[in-house]
N, C-alpha and C. Protein backbone atom coordinates (compact mmCIF):
# COMPACT_ATOMS: atom_id res chain seq x y z
N MET A 1 0.77 -1.23 -0.31
CA MET A 1 -0.43 -0.09 0.24
C MET A 1 0.93 1.22 -0.41
N THR A 2 0.55 2.16 -1.02
CA THR A 2 1.56 3.47 -1.05
C THR A 2 1.05 4.46 0.03
N LEU A 3 1.30 5.46 0.03
CA LEU A 3 0.63 6.96 0.82
C LEU A 3 -0.32 7.32 0.27
N ALA A 4 -0.91 7.33 -1.50
CA ALA A 4 -1.65 7.62 -2.08
C ALA A 4 -2.99 6.60 -2.07
N GLU A 5 -2.70 5.57 -1.54
CA GLU A 5 -4.00 4.50 -1.15
C GLU A 5 -4.84 4.96 0.21
N LYS A 6 -5.59 4.95 0.34
CA LYS A 6 -6.52 4.88 1.48
C LYS A 6 -7.23 3.52 2.18
N ARG A 7 -7.02 3.30 3.09
CA ARG A 7 -7.16 1.88 3.87
C ARG A 7 -9.08 1.88 3.54
N ILE A 8 -9.76 0.87 3.36
CA ILE A 8 -11.48 0.90 3.61
C ILE A 8 -11.23 -0.10 4.48
N GLN A 9 -12.47 -0.72 5.13
CA GLN A 9 -13.44 -1.67 5.50
C GLN A 9 -14.64 -1.53 5.41
N ILE A 10 -14.92 -2.76 4.75
CA ILE A 10 -16.59 -3.25 4.12
C ILE A 10 -16.91 -4.31 5.03
N TYR A 11 -18.18 -4.46 5.26
CA TYR A 11 -18.74 -5.83 5.27
C TYR A 11 -19.90 -6.48 3.90
N LEU A 12 -19.25 -7.85 3.92
CA LEU A 12 -20.21 -8.48 2.65
C LEU A 12 -20.71 -9.29 3.32
N PRO A 13 -21.69 -9.97 2.36
CA PRO A 13 -22.60 -10.88 2.71
C PRO A 13 -21.44 -11.93 2.18
N GLU A 14 -22.05 -13.23 2.88
CA GLU A 14 -21.06 -14.63 2.49
C GLU A 14 -21.11 -15.10 1.30
N THR A 15 -22.31 -14.92 1.05
CA THR A 15 -22.09 -15.33 -0.56
C THR A 15 -21.36 -14.49 -1.64
N LEU A 16 -21.55 -13.36 -1.24
CA LEU A 16 -20.87 -12.18 -2.19
C LEU A 16 -19.07 -12.48 -2.04
N PHE A 17 -19.16 -12.59 -0.84
CA PHE A 17 -17.86 -12.67 -0.22
C PHE A 17 -16.97 -14.05 -0.98
N GLY A 18 -18.01 -15.51 -0.73
CA GLY A 18 -17.39 -16.79 -1.77
C GLY A 18 -17.09 -16.45 -2.74
N ALA A 19 -18.00 -15.86 -3.52
CA ALA A 19 -17.89 -15.30 -5.22
C ALA A 19 -16.53 -14.89 -5.14
N LEU A 20 -16.35 -13.68 -4.57
CA LEU A 20 -15.01 -12.99 -4.31
C LEU A 20 -13.98 -13.70 -4.54
N LYS A 21 -13.67 -14.39 -3.52
CA LYS A 21 -12.96 -15.49 -3.32
C LYS A 21 -12.17 -15.90 -4.47
N ARG A 22 -13.35 -17.05 -4.86
CA ARG A 22 -13.63 -17.42 -5.89
C ARG A 22 -12.59 -17.01 -7.33
N GLU A 23 -13.44 -15.64 -7.07
CA GLU A 23 -12.72 -15.10 -8.92
C GLU A 23 -11.59 -14.44 -8.32
N ALA A 24 -11.13 -14.50 -7.42
CA ALA A 24 -9.72 -14.04 -7.26
C ALA A 24 -8.46 -14.90 -7.39
N ARG A 25 -9.17 -16.00 -6.66
CA ARG A 25 -8.28 -17.20 -6.78
C ARG A 25 -7.92 -17.83 -8.59
N ALA A 26 -9.35 -17.78 -8.94
CA ALA A 26 -9.38 -18.58 -10.61
C ALA A 26 -8.11 -16.74 -11.16
N GLU A 27 -8.49 -16.17 -10.97
CA GLU A 27 -7.41 -14.95 -11.98
C GLU A 27 -6.39 -14.65 -11.44
N ASN A 28 -5.77 -15.60 -10.01
CA ASN A 28 -4.42 -15.65 -9.44
C ASN A 28 -4.34 -14.19 -9.00
N LYS A 29 -5.39 -13.51 -8.57
CA LYS A 29 -5.12 -12.13 -7.88
C LYS A 29 -5.39 -12.35 -6.65
N SER A 30 -5.43 -10.74 -5.95
CA SER A 30 -5.95 -10.58 -4.43
C SER A 30 -7.25 -10.34 -4.21
N ILE A 31 -7.83 -10.89 -3.17
CA ILE A 31 -9.32 -10.50 -3.42
C ILE A 31 -9.62 -8.57 -3.14
N ALA A 32 -8.58 -8.28 -2.83
CA ALA A 32 -8.24 -6.06 -2.97
C ALA A 32 -8.09 -5.96 -4.22
N GLN A 33 -7.48 -6.66 -5.21
CA GLN A 33 -6.91 -6.09 -6.42
C GLN A 33 -8.47 -6.68 -7.37
N VAL A 34 -9.13 -7.69 -6.66
CA VAL A 34 -10.25 -7.96 -7.72
C VAL A 34 -11.16 -6.88 -7.37
N ILE A 35 -11.63 -6.39 -5.87
CA ILE A 35 -12.31 -5.20 -5.61
C ILE A 35 -12.15 -3.90 -6.65
N ARG A 36 -10.70 -3.89 -6.71
CA ARG A 36 -10.28 -2.22 -6.82
C ARG A 36 -10.76 -2.44 -8.40
N GLU A 37 -10.33 -3.48 -9.13
CA GLU A 37 -10.94 -3.71 -10.77
C GLU A 37 -12.33 -3.64 -10.74
N ALA A 38 -12.87 -4.07 -10.13
CA ALA A 38 -14.50 -4.02 -10.03
C ALA A 38 -14.73 -2.51 -10.18
N ILE A 39 -14.30 -1.55 -8.83
CA ILE A 39 -14.87 -0.10 -8.62
C ILE A 39 -14.34 0.34 -10.07
N GLU A 40 -13.50 -0.11 -10.56
CA GLU A 40 -12.60 1.24 -11.73
C GLU A 40 -13.64 0.65 -12.87
N ASN A 41 -14.12 -0.71 -13.24
CA ASN A 41 -14.78 -1.00 -14.24
C ASN A 41 -16.06 -0.04 -14.01
N HIS A 42 -16.85 0.08 -12.72
CA HIS A 42 -17.96 0.10 -12.30
C HIS A 42 -17.94 1.75 -13.05
N LEU A 43 -16.91 2.74 -12.26
CA LEU A 43 -16.94 3.98 -12.62
C LEU A 43 -16.69 4.19 -13.75
N GLU A 44 -15.83 3.34 -14.63
CA GLU A 44 -15.69 3.98 -16.26
C GLU A 44 -17.13 3.72 -17.02
N GLU A 45 -17.87 2.41 -16.62
CA GLU A 45 -19.25 2.43 -17.16
C GLU A 45 -19.99 3.29 -16.87
N ARG A 46 -20.07 3.82 -15.95
CA ARG A 46 -21.38 5.38 -15.73
C ARG A 46 -20.55 6.44 -16.10
N ARG A 47 -19.37 6.62 -15.96
CA ARG A 47 -18.63 7.44 -17.20
C ARG A 47 -18.97 7.82 -18.76
N ARG A 48 -19.14 6.30 -19.08
CA ARG A 48 -19.68 5.98 -20.56
C ARG A 48 -20.89 6.67 -20.51
N ARG A 49 -21.62 6.47 -19.61
CA ARG A 49 -23.11 6.23 -19.99
C ARG A 49 -23.49 7.51 -19.66
N LYS A 50 -23.04 8.55 -19.56
CA LYS A 50 -22.94 10.02 -19.81
C LYS A 50 -23.72 10.51 -20.86
N ILE A 51 -25.08 11.28 -20.88
CA ILE A 51 -25.39 11.52 -21.99
C ILE A 51 -24.46 12.57 -23.07
N ASN A 52 -24.87 12.19 -24.09
CA ASN A 52 -23.90 12.78 -24.96
C ASN A 52 -24.98 13.71 -25.83
N TRP A 53 -25.36 15.47 -25.27
CA TRP A 53 -26.54 16.28 -25.35
C TRP A 53 -26.71 16.60 -26.95
N GLU A 54 -25.23 16.42 -27.25
CA GLU A 54 -25.34 16.78 -28.64
C GLU A 54 -25.99 15.66 -30.04
N ASN A 55 -26.00 14.78 -29.43
CA ASN A 55 -26.58 13.74 -30.55
C ASN A 55 -27.75 12.85 -29.80
N ASP A 56 -28.03 13.68 -28.40
CA ASP A 56 -29.69 13.35 -28.16
C ASP A 56 -30.88 13.56 -29.35
N PRO A 57 -31.53 13.12 -29.16
CA PRO A 57 -32.38 13.14 -30.27
C PRO A 57 -33.68 14.36 -29.85
N LEU A 58 -33.55 14.85 -28.16
CA LEU A 58 -34.96 15.56 -28.13
C LEU A 58 -33.83 17.13 -28.23
N ASN A 59 -32.35 17.22 -28.18
CA ASN A 59 -31.48 18.15 -28.63
C ASN A 59 -32.32 18.64 -29.71
N LYS A 60 -31.79 17.60 -30.81
CA LYS A 60 -31.73 18.01 -31.86
C LYS A 60 -33.24 18.96 -32.50
N ILE A 61 -34.40 18.68 -31.98
CA ILE A 61 -35.78 19.22 -32.22
C ILE A 61 -35.52 20.45 -31.80
N ILE A 62 -34.48 21.09 -30.91
CA ILE A 62 -34.82 22.72 -30.76
C ILE A 62 -34.49 23.58 -32.07
N GLY A 63 -35.28 24.57 -31.87
CA GLY A 63 -35.19 25.53 -33.41
C GLY A 63 -35.90 24.72 -34.57
N MET A 64 -36.78 23.72 -34.66
CA MET A 64 -37.32 23.51 -35.79
C MET A 64 -38.68 23.99 -36.11
N GLY A 65 -39.29 24.35 -35.10
CA GLY A 65 -40.40 25.64 -35.36
C GLY A 65 -40.57 26.65 -35.02
N SER A 66 -41.08 27.13 -35.39
CA SER A 66 -41.17 29.07 -35.04
C SER A 66 -42.55 29.70 -34.58
N SER A 67 -42.47 30.79 -33.97
CA SER A 67 -43.71 31.21 -33.23
C SER A 67 -43.41 33.24 -33.17
N LYS A 68 -44.43 33.45 -32.98
CA LYS A 68 -44.18 35.17 -32.53
C LYS A 68 -44.54 34.85 -30.92
N VAL A 69 -44.72 34.02 -30.37
CA VAL A 69 -44.96 33.81 -28.98
C VAL A 69 -43.63 33.96 -28.53
N ARG A 70 -43.34 34.74 -27.31
CA ARG A 70 -42.08 35.47 -26.91
C ARG A 70 -42.01 34.89 -25.23
N ASP A 71 -43.36 34.47 -24.59
CA ASP A 71 -43.46 33.95 -23.54
C ASP A 71 -43.58 32.77 -23.35
N ALA A 72 -43.23 31.58 -24.00
CA ALA A 72 -44.11 30.54 -24.06
C ALA A 72 -43.23 29.80 -23.36
N SER A 73 -42.02 29.67 -22.78
CA SER A 73 -41.33 29.12 -21.76
C SER A 73 -41.91 29.48 -20.53
N SER A 74 -42.01 30.47 -19.90
CA SER A 74 -42.77 31.20 -18.79
C SER A 74 -44.14 30.88 -18.42
N HIS A 75 -44.87 30.68 -19.59
CA HIS A 75 -46.29 30.69 -19.66
C HIS A 75 -47.08 29.87 -20.39
N HIS A 76 -46.47 28.53 -20.78
CA HIS A 76 -46.65 27.55 -21.71
C HIS A 76 -47.84 26.62 -21.35
N ASP A 77 -48.28 26.68 -20.15
CA ASP A 77 -49.67 26.19 -19.79
C ASP A 77 -50.59 27.37 -20.48
N LYS A 78 -50.67 28.38 -20.17
CA LYS A 78 -51.99 29.26 -21.24
C LYS A 78 -51.76 28.83 -22.71
N TYR A 79 -51.01 28.87 -23.11
CA TYR A 79 -51.04 28.26 -24.71
C TYR A 79 -50.76 26.83 -24.91
N ILE A 80 -50.76 26.24 -24.01
CA ILE A 80 -51.14 24.74 -24.03
C ILE A 80 -52.74 24.27 -24.16
N TYR A 81 -53.08 24.85 -23.17
CA TYR A 81 -54.62 24.34 -22.53
C TYR A 81 -55.27 25.34 -22.84
N ALA A 82 -55.10 26.69 -23.12
CA ALA A 82 -56.49 27.53 -23.45
C ALA A 82 -57.19 26.94 -24.40
N SER A 83 -57.01 26.44 -25.34
CA SER A 83 -57.92 26.34 -26.49
C SER A 83 -58.95 24.72 -26.00
N ARG A 84 -58.23 24.00 -24.80
CA ARG A 84 -58.98 23.26 -24.41
C ARG A 84 -60.37 23.60 -23.25
N LEU A 85 -59.71 25.25 -22.82
CA LEU A 85 -61.05 25.45 -22.20
C LEU A 85 -61.75 26.69 -22.61
N GLY A 86 -61.41 26.13 -23.71
CA GLY A 86 -62.32 27.24 -25.13
C GLY A 86 -61.99 28.66 -24.34
N SER A 87 -60.71 29.31 -24.22
CA SER A 87 -60.40 30.42 -24.48
C SER A 87 -59.27 30.89 -25.09
N SER A 88 -59.38 32.02 -25.59
CA SER A 88 -58.01 32.38 -26.37
C SER A 88 -56.85 32.72 -25.29
N PRO A 89 -55.59 32.21 -25.57
CA PRO A 89 -54.43 32.44 -24.71
C PRO A 89 -54.44 33.83 -24.41
N ASP A 90 -54.98 34.77 -25.32
CA ASP A 90 -54.17 36.48 -24.59
C ASP A 90 -55.36 36.57 -23.96
């Protein structure tokens, strides 16, 4: 363990510990190494799942339509539901 590493203690269910032990033995690694690799893989997978807004289909519809209404973002209910209520939005 180097100075840059932090020691932690965790509690594992017996079944998980047994699986971890078997995995470590099969890969000829320490249990600690298997845990570190599992955490690294998990964090990397989460980073890869981050949304790429440039390629998001909803982002691509921005600007497709046009309107003379300039306050739709703050008064959208008025414009969406006014016709259902039989009144004009203004």
